[in-house]
Amino acid sequence: MANLALSPTMKYFGFGDNDDYVVLDGGRVIGRLFLHPQGPDGAPWFWTIIAPDIPPSIDKHGYSATREQAMADFKVRWMTPPSVKAKA
């Protein structure tokens, strides 16, 4: 089971504001989650998986209504086995 947590992007990459986070699995940066000013109406929080060991895919990112929902959506995608992701 993944132990996911958020931490300010500024701490890891030297950029970002109060609504910009990296997603950590243990101490490893595996994703990013931030408030996107041009996000879709009703879903301004953008999340993306950036772990280099995960194969490229169009389903490694999405938009959500709240930060909490973005983290939940990220976790679902992160926890989905690669074989299921490829079929989705």
N, C-alpha and C. Protein backbone atom coordinates (compact mmCIF):
# COMPACT_ATOMS: atom_id res chain seq x y z
N MET A 1 0.85 -1.19 0.00
CA MET A 1 0.00 0.00 0.00
C MET A 1 0.88 1.24 0.00
N ALA A 2 0.60 2.15 -0.87
CA ALA A 2 1.38 3.39 -0.98
C ALA A 2 1.07 4.31 0.20
N ASN A 3 2.09 4.98 0.68
CA ASN A 3 1.94 5.97 1.73
C ASN A 3 2.13 7.34 1.08
N LEU A 4 1.08 7.87 0.46
CA LEU A 4 1.18 9.11 -0.30
C LEU A 4 1.02 10.33 0.59
N ALA A 5 1.79 11.36 0.30
CA ALA A 5 1.73 12.62 1.05
C ALA A 5 2.01 13.77 0.09
N LEU A 6 1.56 14.95 0.49
CA LEU A 6 1.84 16.16 -0.28
C LEU A 6 2.89 16.98 0.44
N SER A 7 3.72 17.67 -0.36
CA SER A 7 4.72 18.59 0.18
C SER A 7 4.84 19.75 -0.82
N PRO A 8 5.14 20.96 -0.34
CA PRO A 8 5.26 22.10 -1.25
C PRO A 8 6.28 21.85 -2.36
N THR A 9 5.92 22.15 -3.58
CA THR A 9 6.82 21.99 -4.72
C THR A 9 8.08 22.82 -4.54
N MET A 10 7.94 23.99 -3.94
CA MET A 10 9.07 24.88 -3.72
C MET A 10 10.21 24.16 -2.99
N LYS A 11 9.88 23.32 -2.05
CA LYS A 11 10.88 22.60 -1.25
C LYS A 11 11.72 21.66 -2.11
N TYR A 12 11.15 21.11 -3.16
CA TYR A 12 11.84 20.13 -3.99
C TYR A 12 12.42 20.68 -5.27
N PHE A 13 11.74 21.65 -5.88
CA PHE A 13 12.16 22.13 -7.20
C PHE A 13 12.50 23.61 -7.25
N GLY A 14 12.26 24.35 -6.16
CA GLY A 14 12.61 25.77 -6.14
C GLY A 14 11.62 26.68 -6.83
N PHE A 15 10.44 26.17 -7.16
CA PHE A 15 9.38 27.01 -7.74
C PHE A 15 8.04 26.54 -7.19
N GLY A 16 7.01 27.33 -7.43
CA GLY A 16 5.68 26.96 -6.98
C GLY A 16 5.15 27.95 -5.96
N ASP A 17 3.83 27.91 -5.76
CA ASP A 17 3.19 28.80 -4.80
C ASP A 17 2.47 27.95 -3.75
N ASN A 18 1.56 28.57 -3.02
CA ASN A 18 0.86 27.86 -1.93
C ASN A 18 -0.10 26.79 -2.41
N ASP A 19 -0.44 26.78 -3.70
CA ASP A 19 -1.35 25.79 -4.26
C ASP A 19 -0.63 24.87 -5.25
N ASP A 20 0.62 24.54 -4.95
CA ASP A 20 1.45 23.72 -5.83
C ASP A 20 2.20 22.71 -4.96
N TYR A 21 1.98 21.42 -5.22
CA TYR A 21 2.53 20.37 -4.37
C TYR A 21 3.18 19.26 -5.20
N VAL A 22 4.17 18.60 -4.61
CA VAL A 22 4.64 17.34 -5.16
C VAL A 22 3.92 16.24 -4.38
N VAL A 23 3.73 15.10 -5.03
CA VAL A 23 3.15 13.93 -4.39
C VAL A 23 4.31 12.98 -4.08
N LEU A 24 4.39 12.57 -2.84
CA LEU A 24 5.45 11.68 -2.38
C LEU A 24 4.90 10.30 -2.07
N ASP A 25 5.65 9.28 -2.43
CA ASP A 25 5.37 7.91 -2.01
C ASP A 25 6.56 7.52 -1.15
N GLY A 26 6.37 7.51 0.16
CA GLY A 26 7.51 7.42 1.07
C GLY A 26 8.24 8.75 0.96
N GLY A 27 9.48 8.77 0.59
CA GLY A 27 10.21 10.02 0.37
C GLY A 27 10.45 10.33 -1.09
N ARG A 28 9.92 9.51 -1.98
CA ARG A 28 10.17 9.64 -3.42
C ARG A 28 9.10 10.50 -4.10
N VAL A 29 9.54 11.49 -4.89
CA VAL A 29 8.61 12.32 -5.65
C VAL A 29 8.09 11.50 -6.82
N ILE A 30 6.76 11.34 -6.87
CA ILE A 30 6.14 10.54 -7.94
C ILE A 30 5.12 11.33 -8.74
N GLY A 31 4.79 12.54 -8.28
CA GLY A 31 3.77 13.30 -8.99
C GLY A 31 3.72 14.75 -8.56
N ARG A 32 2.80 15.45 -9.18
CA ARG A 32 2.60 16.86 -8.87
C ARG A 32 1.10 17.13 -8.92
N LEU A 33 0.68 18.09 -8.10
CA LEU A 33 -0.72 18.45 -7.99
C LEU A 33 -0.76 19.96 -7.76
N PHE A 34 -1.49 20.70 -8.59
CA PHE A 34 -1.54 22.15 -8.41
C PHE A 34 -2.83 22.74 -8.94
N LEU A 35 -3.13 23.93 -8.44
CA LEU A 35 -4.29 24.69 -8.90
C LEU A 35 -3.93 25.32 -10.23
N HIS A 36 -4.65 24.93 -11.28
CA HIS A 36 -4.33 25.37 -12.64
C HIS A 36 -5.28 26.51 -13.03
N PRO A 37 -4.75 27.71 -13.29
CA PRO A 37 -5.63 28.85 -13.59
C PRO A 37 -6.47 28.67 -14.85
N GLN A 38 -6.03 27.87 -15.79
CA GLN A 38 -6.81 27.62 -17.01
C GLN A 38 -7.46 26.24 -17.00
N GLY A 39 -7.62 25.67 -15.82
CA GLY A 39 -8.28 24.36 -15.72
C GLY A 39 -9.74 24.45 -16.13
N PRO A 40 -10.35 23.31 -16.41
CA PRO A 40 -11.76 23.29 -16.79
C PRO A 40 -12.65 23.86 -15.69
N ASP A 41 -13.77 24.44 -16.08
CA ASP A 41 -14.74 24.95 -15.10
C ASP A 41 -15.13 23.82 -14.15
N GLY A 42 -15.07 24.11 -12.87
CA GLY A 42 -15.46 23.14 -11.87
C GLY A 42 -14.41 22.10 -11.53
N ALA A 43 -13.27 22.12 -12.22
CA ALA A 43 -12.20 21.15 -11.96
C ALA A 43 -10.83 21.82 -12.14
N PRO A 44 -10.49 22.76 -11.27
CA PRO A 44 -9.26 23.53 -11.46
C PRO A 44 -7.98 22.87 -10.95
N TRP A 45 -8.09 21.76 -10.24
CA TRP A 45 -6.89 21.11 -9.69
C TRP A 45 -6.36 20.08 -10.67
N PHE A 46 -5.11 20.28 -11.12
CA PHE A 46 -4.45 19.39 -12.06
C PHE A 46 -3.54 18.44 -11.29
N TRP A 47 -3.57 17.17 -11.64
CA TRP A 47 -2.65 16.19 -11.05
C TRP A 47 -1.97 15.41 -12.16
N THR A 48 -0.71 15.02 -11.91
CA THR A 48 0.02 14.24 -12.90
C THR A 48 1.03 13.32 -12.21
N ILE A 49 1.20 12.15 -12.77
CA ILE A 49 2.22 11.21 -12.30
C ILE A 49 3.49 11.51 -13.08
N ILE A 50 4.59 11.73 -12.36
CA ILE A 50 5.86 12.07 -13.02
C ILE A 50 6.96 11.05 -12.73
N ALA A 51 6.63 9.96 -12.05
CA ALA A 51 7.63 8.94 -11.74
C ALA A 51 8.24 8.41 -13.04
N PRO A 52 9.57 8.47 -13.16
CA PRO A 52 10.21 8.07 -14.42
C PRO A 52 10.09 6.59 -14.75
N ASP A 53 9.81 5.75 -13.78
CA ASP A 53 9.70 4.33 -14.04
C ASP A 53 8.30 3.89 -14.47
N ILE A 54 7.38 4.82 -14.57
CA ILE A 54 6.03 4.52 -15.06
C ILE A 54 5.99 4.83 -16.55
N PRO A 55 5.59 3.87 -17.38
CA PRO A 55 5.59 4.10 -18.83
C PRO A 55 4.71 5.29 -19.23
N PRO A 56 5.10 5.99 -20.30
CA PRO A 56 4.29 7.12 -20.79
C PRO A 56 2.87 6.67 -21.10
N SER A 57 1.92 7.53 -20.79
CA SER A 57 0.52 7.18 -20.99
C SER A 57 -0.33 8.45 -20.92
N ILE A 58 -1.44 8.46 -21.63
CA ILE A 58 -2.33 9.62 -21.57
C ILE A 58 -3.16 9.63 -20.29
N ASP A 59 -3.17 8.53 -19.55
CA ASP A 59 -3.97 8.48 -18.33
C ASP A 59 -3.16 8.75 -17.06
N LYS A 60 -2.03 9.42 -17.20
CA LYS A 60 -1.18 9.75 -16.05
C LYS A 60 -1.48 11.14 -15.50
N HIS A 61 -2.56 11.76 -15.93
CA HIS A 61 -2.91 13.09 -15.44
C HIS A 61 -4.42 13.31 -15.54
N GLY A 62 -4.88 14.35 -14.84
CA GLY A 62 -6.30 14.67 -14.89
C GLY A 62 -6.60 15.94 -14.12
N TYR A 63 -7.86 16.32 -14.13
CA TYR A 63 -8.34 17.50 -13.41
C TYR A 63 -9.40 17.07 -12.41
N SER A 64 -9.44 17.76 -11.28
CA SER A 64 -10.39 17.44 -10.22
C SER A 64 -10.95 18.73 -9.62
N ALA A 65 -12.07 18.61 -8.93
CA ALA A 65 -12.76 19.78 -8.36
C ALA A 65 -12.03 20.39 -7.17
N THR A 66 -11.43 19.55 -6.33
CA THR A 66 -10.76 20.04 -5.12
C THR A 66 -9.39 19.39 -5.00
N ARG A 67 -8.56 19.94 -4.13
CA ARG A 67 -7.25 19.36 -3.88
C ARG A 67 -7.40 17.94 -3.32
N GLU A 68 -8.34 17.76 -2.42
CA GLU A 68 -8.56 16.46 -1.82
C GLU A 68 -9.00 15.43 -2.87
N GLN A 69 -9.89 15.86 -3.78
CA GLN A 69 -10.34 14.95 -4.84
C GLN A 69 -9.20 14.66 -5.81
N ALA A 70 -8.37 15.66 -6.10
CA ALA A 70 -7.21 15.44 -6.97
C ALA A 70 -6.29 14.39 -6.37
N MET A 71 -6.06 14.47 -5.05
CA MET A 71 -5.20 13.49 -4.39
C MET A 71 -5.84 12.10 -4.45
N ALA A 72 -7.15 12.02 -4.25
CA ALA A 72 -7.85 10.73 -4.32
C ALA A 72 -7.78 10.16 -5.74
N ASP A 73 -7.98 11.02 -6.75
CA ASP A 73 -7.91 10.57 -8.15
C ASP A 73 -6.49 10.11 -8.49
N PHE A 74 -5.50 10.86 -8.03
CA PHE A 74 -4.10 10.49 -8.24
C PHE A 74 -3.85 9.11 -7.63
N LYS A 75 -4.29 8.92 -6.40
CA LYS A 75 -4.03 7.66 -5.70
C LYS A 75 -4.66 6.48 -6.43
N VAL A 76 -5.88 6.66 -6.92
CA VAL A 76 -6.53 5.58 -7.67
C VAL A 76 -5.68 5.21 -8.88
N ARG A 77 -5.23 6.20 -9.61
CA ARG A 77 -4.43 5.92 -10.81
C ARG A 77 -3.08 5.32 -10.43
N TRP A 78 -2.46 5.82 -9.38
CA TRP A 78 -1.16 5.31 -8.94
C TRP A 78 -1.27 3.85 -8.48
N MET A 79 -2.35 3.51 -7.83
CA MET A 79 -2.51 2.17 -7.29
C MET A 79 -3.04 1.16 -8.31
N THR A 80 -3.49 1.62 -9.47
CA THR A 80 -4.00 0.72 -10.50
C THR A 80 -2.83 0.00 -11.16
N PRO A 81 -2.85 -1.32 -11.19
CA PRO A 81 -1.74 -2.06 -11.82
C PRO A 81 -1.57 -1.66 -13.28
N PRO A 82 -0.32 -1.64 -13.79
CA PRO A 82 -0.05 -1.23 -15.17
C PRO A 82 -0.87 -1.98 -16.21
N SER A 83 -1.13 -3.27 -16.02
CA SER A 83 -1.89 -4.04 -17.01
C SER A 83 -3.32 -3.52 -17.11
N VAL A 84 -3.91 -3.06 -16.00
CA VAL A 84 -5.25 -2.51 -16.01
C VAL A 84 -5.24 -1.14 -16.66
N LYS A 85 -4.22 -0.34 -16.41
CA LYS A 85 -4.09 0.99 -17.00
C LYS A 85 -4.06 0.88 -18.53
N ALA A 86 -3.33 -0.10 -19.04
CA ALA A 86 -3.20 -0.25 -20.49
C ALA A 86 -4.53 -0.59 -21.15
N LYS A 87 -5.42 -1.29 -20.43
CA LYS A 87 -6.72 -1.69 -20.98
C LYS A 87 -7.76 -0.58 -20.84
N ALA A 88 -7.54 0.37 -19.94
CA ALA A 88 -8.55 1.40 -19.67
C ALA A 88 -8.71 2.36 -20.83
